[in-house]
Protein backbone atom coordinates (compact mmCIF):
# COMPACT_ATOMS: atom_id res chain seq x y z
CA MET A 1 -97.62 -12.50 86.18
CA THR A 2 -96.97 -16.00 85.03
CA ILE A 3 -98.82 -17.81 82.26
CA THR A 4 -98.69 -21.67 82.31
CA ASP A 5 -99.78 -24.04 79.59
CA LEU A 6 -99.27 -21.29 77.08
CA ARG A 7 -101.61 -21.40 73.90
CA GLU A 8 -102.09 -19.29 70.88
CA SER A 9 -105.36 -18.06 72.43
CA ASP A 10 -103.13 -16.25 75.07
CA ALA A 11 -101.87 -13.73 72.40
CA HIS A 12 -103.05 -10.28 73.69
CA THR A 13 -101.80 -6.99 74.87
CA TYR A 14 -101.20 -7.04 78.56
CA SER A 15 -100.93 -4.12 80.98
CA PHE A 16 -100.94 -3.61 84.74
CA ARG A 17 -102.65 -1.12 87.11
CA PHE A 18 -101.82 -0.42 90.69
CA TYR A 19 -103.88 1.45 93.34
CA THR A 20 -103.08 3.39 96.60
CA ASP A 21 -105.16 4.72 99.38
CA HIS A 22 -105.10 8.14 97.82
CA PRO A 23 -108.28 9.13 95.88
CA ASP A 24 -106.18 9.74 92.68
CA GLY A 25 -103.59 7.10 93.55
CA SER A 26 -103.79 4.68 90.68
CA PHE A 27 -101.52 4.28 87.71
CA SER A 28 -101.81 2.09 84.46
CA GLY A 29 -98.89 0.99 82.48
CA SER A 30 -99.38 2.03 78.89
CA PRO A 31 -99.24 0.89 76.12
CA GLY A 32 -98.67 -2.41 77.78
CA VAL A 33 -96.88 -5.46 76.58
CA THR A 34 -98.05 -7.42 73.32
CA LEU A 35 -97.51 -11.12 73.60
CA SER A 36 -97.39 -13.11 70.32
CA VAL A 37 -97.79 -16.85 70.49
CA THR A 38 -96.98 -18.80 67.44
CA ASP A 39 -97.21 -22.68 67.19
CA LEU A 40 -94.82 -24.76 65.27
CA LYS A 41 -96.16 -25.39 61.78
CA VAL A 42 -95.53 -27.90 59.00
CA THR A 43 -95.31 -26.74 55.39
CA VAL A 44 -94.94 -28.94 52.33
CA SER A 45 -93.07 -28.32 49.02
CA ASP A 46 -92.46 -30.48 45.98
CA THR A 47 -88.94 -31.50 44.91
CA ASP A 48 -87.49 -33.46 41.98
CA GLY A 49 -88.79 -36.93 41.38
CA GLY A 50 -92.13 -36.28 43.04
CA VAL A 51 -90.78 -36.31 46.50
CA LYS A 52 -92.67 -34.13 49.02
CA LYS A 53 -90.67 -32.27 51.63
CA LEU A 54 -92.10 -31.33 54.90
CA THR A 55 -90.52 -28.56 56.89
CA CYS A 56 -91.10 -27.88 60.51
CA SER A 57 -90.65 -24.25 61.39
CA SER A 58 -91.58 -21.44 64.02
CA THR A 59 -91.32 -17.68 64.08
CA CYS A 60 -90.30 -18.07 67.61
CA THR A 61 -86.65 -18.22 68.69
CA LEU A 62 -85.78 -21.83 69.21
CA PRO A 63 -82.95 -23.34 71.45
CA ASN A 64 -79.60 -23.76 69.53
CA ASN A 65 -79.41 -26.78 67.38
CA PRO A 66 -82.79 -28.18 68.44
CA THR A 67 -83.73 -31.87 67.87
CA TYR A 68 -86.96 -32.30 66.01
CA ILE A 69 -89.40 -35.06 66.46
CA TRP A 70 -91.65 -36.14 63.54
CA TYR A 71 -94.97 -37.97 64.10
CA ARG A 72 -96.91 -40.06 61.57
CA ASN A 73 -100.43 -40.78 62.79
CA GLY A 74 -99.44 -39.75 66.16
CA GLN A 75 -96.46 -42.10 66.48
CA PRO A 76 -92.78 -40.98 66.29
CA VAL A 77 -90.90 -41.50 63.00
CA SER A 78 -87.72 -43.22 63.82
CA ASP A 79 -84.28 -41.71 62.75
CA GLN A 80 -85.69 -38.34 61.81
CA ASN A 81 -84.40 -35.53 64.07
CA ARG A 82 -83.97 -32.60 61.54
CA ASN A 83 -86.58 -30.01 60.65
CA GLU A 84 -87.12 -31.50 57.23
CA LEU A 85 -88.68 -34.76 56.29
CA GLU A 86 -88.97 -36.25 52.85
CA LEU A 87 -91.90 -38.49 51.74
CA ARG A 88 -91.01 -40.60 48.75
CA ASP A 89 -93.79 -43.33 48.65
CA ARG A 90 -97.29 -42.01 48.79
CA THR A 91 -98.57 -45.43 49.69
CA VAL A 92 -96.10 -46.21 52.50
CA ASP A 93 -95.79 -42.60 53.70
CA ALA A 94 -99.65 -41.96 53.77
CA GLY A 95 -101.02 -40.49 57.00
CA SER A 96 -101.05 -37.30 59.03
CA TYR A 97 -97.90 -35.64 60.15
CA SER A 98 -96.87 -33.21 62.86
CA CYS A 99 -93.72 -32.14 64.49
CA ALA A 100 -92.36 -31.01 67.90
CA VAL A 101 -88.96 -29.90 69.30
CA LYS A 102 -87.47 -32.40 71.74
CA GLY A 103 -88.04 -31.21 75.39
CA TYR A 104 -91.16 -29.28 74.14
CA GLU A 105 -93.11 -32.21 72.86
CA GLU A 106 -96.46 -30.88 74.47
CA LEU A 107 -96.18 -27.84 72.15
CA GLY A 108 -96.21 -29.90 68.89
CA SER A 109 -97.48 -28.60 65.64
CA PRO A 110 -101.12 -29.30 64.32
CA ALA A 111 -101.30 -32.33 62.20
CA VAL A 112 -101.42 -32.01 58.48
CA TYR A 113 -102.87 -34.69 56.23
CA SER A 114 -104.33 -35.24 52.72
CA PRO A 115 -108.10 -35.12 52.09
CA ARG A 116 -110.19 -37.86 53.52
CA PRO A 117 -112.79 -39.31 50.90
CA PRO A 118 -115.32 -36.62 50.32
CA SER A 119 -118.91 -36.88 51.26
CA VAL A 120 -121.58 -35.42 49.02
CA SER A 121 -125.01 -34.10 50.21
CA GLU A 122 -127.78 -32.64 48.07
CA THR A 123 -130.71 -30.36 48.45
CA GLU A 124 -133.38 -29.61 45.87
CA VAL A 125 -135.10 -26.11 45.60
CA ASN A 126 -137.54 -25.09 42.88
CA GLY A 127 -136.46 -27.70 40.37
CA SER A 128 -132.72 -27.35 40.84
CA VAL A 129 -130.40 -29.58 42.87
CA THR A 130 -127.30 -28.32 44.76
CA LEU A 131 -124.55 -30.85 45.51
CA VAL A 132 -122.14 -30.05 48.41
CA CYS A 133 -118.80 -31.81 48.64
CA VAL A 134 -117.07 -31.90 52.02
CA SER A 135 -113.78 -33.48 53.03
CA ASP A 136 -111.81 -33.43 56.23
CA SER A 137 -108.28 -32.26 55.54
CA ASN A 138 -105.58 -29.94 56.83
CA PRO A 139 -104.85 -27.57 55.36
CA ALA A 140 -108.29 -27.15 53.82
CA SER A 141 -109.10 -28.61 50.49
CA SER A 142 -110.07 -27.05 47.14
CA TYR A 143 -112.85 -28.74 45.40
CA THR A 144 -113.53 -29.58 41.63
CA TRP A 145 -116.68 -31.17 40.02
CA PHE A 146 -116.50 -33.58 37.10
CA ARG A 147 -119.31 -34.77 34.88
CA LYS A 148 -119.34 -38.03 32.93
CA THR A 149 -121.58 -38.21 29.88
CA GLY A 150 -121.24 -41.16 27.61
CA GLY A 151 -117.53 -42.00 27.53
CA ASN A 152 -116.50 -38.35 28.28
CA ILE A 153 -115.36 -36.84 31.54
CA THR A 154 -115.21 -33.00 31.74
CA GLN A 155 -114.55 -30.62 34.43
CA PHE A 156 -117.92 -29.02 35.39
CA GLY A 157 -117.22 -26.61 38.20
CA GLU A 158 -115.04 -25.46 41.08
CA GLY A 159 -115.78 -24.82 44.71
CA ALA A 160 -117.57 -26.95 47.45
CA SER A 161 -121.03 -26.53 45.99
CA LEU A 162 -122.50 -27.31 42.51
CA THR A 163 -126.04 -26.23 41.45
CA LEU A 164 -127.63 -28.22 38.76
CA ALA A 165 -130.83 -27.29 36.71
CA ALA A 166 -133.19 -29.70 35.19
CA GLY A 167 -131.71 -31.11 32.03
CA ALA A 168 -128.21 -31.17 33.30
CA ASP A 169 -128.25 -34.94 33.22
CA GLY A 170 -125.13 -37.04 33.72
CA VAL A 171 -122.92 -38.53 36.36
CA PHE A 172 -121.24 -36.18 38.73
CA TYR A 173 -118.45 -36.53 41.23
CA CYS A 174 -116.05 -34.16 43.12
CA THR A 175 -112.46 -34.22 44.05
CA ALA A 176 -110.80 -32.64 47.08
CA GLU A 177 -107.19 -31.62 47.03
CA ASN A 178 -104.48 -29.99 49.15
CA PRO A 179 -100.78 -29.90 48.90
CA TYR A 180 -100.51 -33.40 50.48
CA GLY A 181 -102.86 -35.26 48.08
CA SER A 182 -106.37 -35.69 46.70
CA SER A 183 -109.40 -37.86 47.07
CA THR A 184 -112.52 -38.59 44.99
CA SER A 185 -116.23 -38.91 46.13
CA SER A 186 -118.74 -41.43 45.15
CA GLU A 187 -120.68 -40.73 41.97
CA TRP A 188 -124.07 -39.10 41.73
CA THR A 189 -126.35 -39.74 38.65
CA LEU A 190 -128.72 -36.93 37.66
CA THR A 191 -131.72 -37.53 35.34
CA SER A 192 -134.55 -35.20 34.56
CA GLY A 193 -138.23 -35.60 34.12
CA VAL A 194 -138.75 -39.01 35.86
CA SER A 195 -141.47 -39.58 38.46
CA TRP A 196 -142.42 -42.63 40.55
CA GLY A 197 -145.11 -43.42 38.09
CA ASP A 198 -142.45 -43.97 35.37
CA VAL A 199 -140.72 -46.51 37.40
CA VAL A 200 -142.44 -49.50 36.07
CA ALA A 201 -140.84 -52.36 37.89
CA PHE A 202 -138.11 -53.84 40.12
CA PHE A 203 -136.60 -57.05 38.94
CA PRO A 204 -137.03 -59.48 40.67
CA PRO A 205 -140.08 -57.87 42.50
CA GLN A 206 -139.09 -58.98 45.96
CA ARG A 207 -135.83 -56.91 45.82
CA SER A 208 -135.49 -53.42 46.85
CA VAL A 209 -133.00 -50.55 46.55
CA ARG A 210 -130.42 -50.73 49.27
CA GLU A 211 -128.13 -48.14 50.71
CA THR A 212 -124.76 -48.26 49.15
CA THR A 213 -122.30 -45.77 47.47
CA GLY A 214 -124.17 -44.90 44.11
CA HIS A 215 -126.69 -42.26 43.85
CA LEU A 216 -129.57 -41.20 41.50
CA LEU A 217 -131.01 -37.86 41.70
CA VAL A 218 -134.33 -37.33 39.93
CA LEU A 219 -135.55 -33.87 38.81
CA GLY A 220 -138.97 -32.95 37.43
CA GLN A 221 -141.42 -33.98 40.19
CA SER A 222 -139.33 -33.67 43.28
CA VAL A 223 -138.43 -37.46 43.30
CA THR A 224 -135.22 -38.72 44.62
CA ILE A 225 -134.08 -42.23 44.30
CA SER A 226 -130.75 -42.32 46.13
CA ARG A 227 -127.92 -44.67 47.06
CA LEU A 228 -128.60 -47.25 44.34
CA ASP A 229 -127.35 -50.87 44.86
CA PRO A 230 -124.37 -51.34 42.48
CA LEU A 231 -125.90 -54.64 41.36
CA LEU A 232 -128.95 -52.72 39.96
CA SER A 233 -128.94 -51.13 36.54
CA LEU A 234 -131.19 -48.55 34.90
CA ARG A 235 -132.82 -49.13 31.59
CA TYR A 236 -134.82 -46.39 29.74
CA GLU A 237 -137.55 -47.42 27.48
CA SER A 238 -138.56 -45.74 24.34
CA SER A 239 -141.72 -44.82 25.97
CA GLY A 240 -139.98 -42.69 28.56
CA THR A 241 -140.39 -45.17 31.35
CA LEU A 242 -137.53 -46.17 33.63
CA GLN A 243 -136.85 -49.74 34.72
CA ILE A 244 -134.62 -50.69 37.72
CA CYS A 245 -133.20 -54.13 37.08
CA LEU A 246 -131.08 -56.40 39.18
CA THR A 247 -127.96 -57.47 37.29
CA SER A 248 -126.82 -60.15 39.74
CA GLN A 249 -128.68 -62.63 42.00
CA GLN A 250 -126.18 -61.81 44.87
CA ARG A 251 -127.67 -59.87 47.79
């Protein structure tokens, strides 16, 4: 049996069986042959001076003195033919990285990369809001939530989701981090006990809330005003009402 275009999904235990024209004339080879298939992989380690070292490795037996090819964003990295690659400048060296052995380029490693800017979604159930932070990265990211109140920033939770009860007012955002870097989401502002009846005016009246990157979540009467224009500011009156004011005449 010949397997072409070998993939990790081909890793199984294989056995054979043959038959004759005799009623009991069959035989099965047991226990069979176990095939393990392991891709090249890229791992990262930190060295002195903040340099990150990428290593291309495999548990399979490779040709003697193989020549390695490194790729950044799918394009070969020139003058790099060893199994290690050092990244010294996070700005210049930013991107996704993969590796292959020369002559076997079609069997390259999966790409690794730092987290993309996280997106945050929200759901409201029974007076509480759950925020979910998601970022595309490889390897997978770990998530941390932060809360801004006044001039203070505090860590508020870990994990992809964060559930907030009424009264947990503040500005929230999440960070996604893996060994290759980190990224931060846009901010979400949570305030409790405000309803549409409390929003007394838009200034000027003809302007409306547009979809941009800021967010206001409102608890109390299941009201959500989301994606506030950064040119708009919120002003709370002593009566408990909320005004949304335009801070610039630009659209």
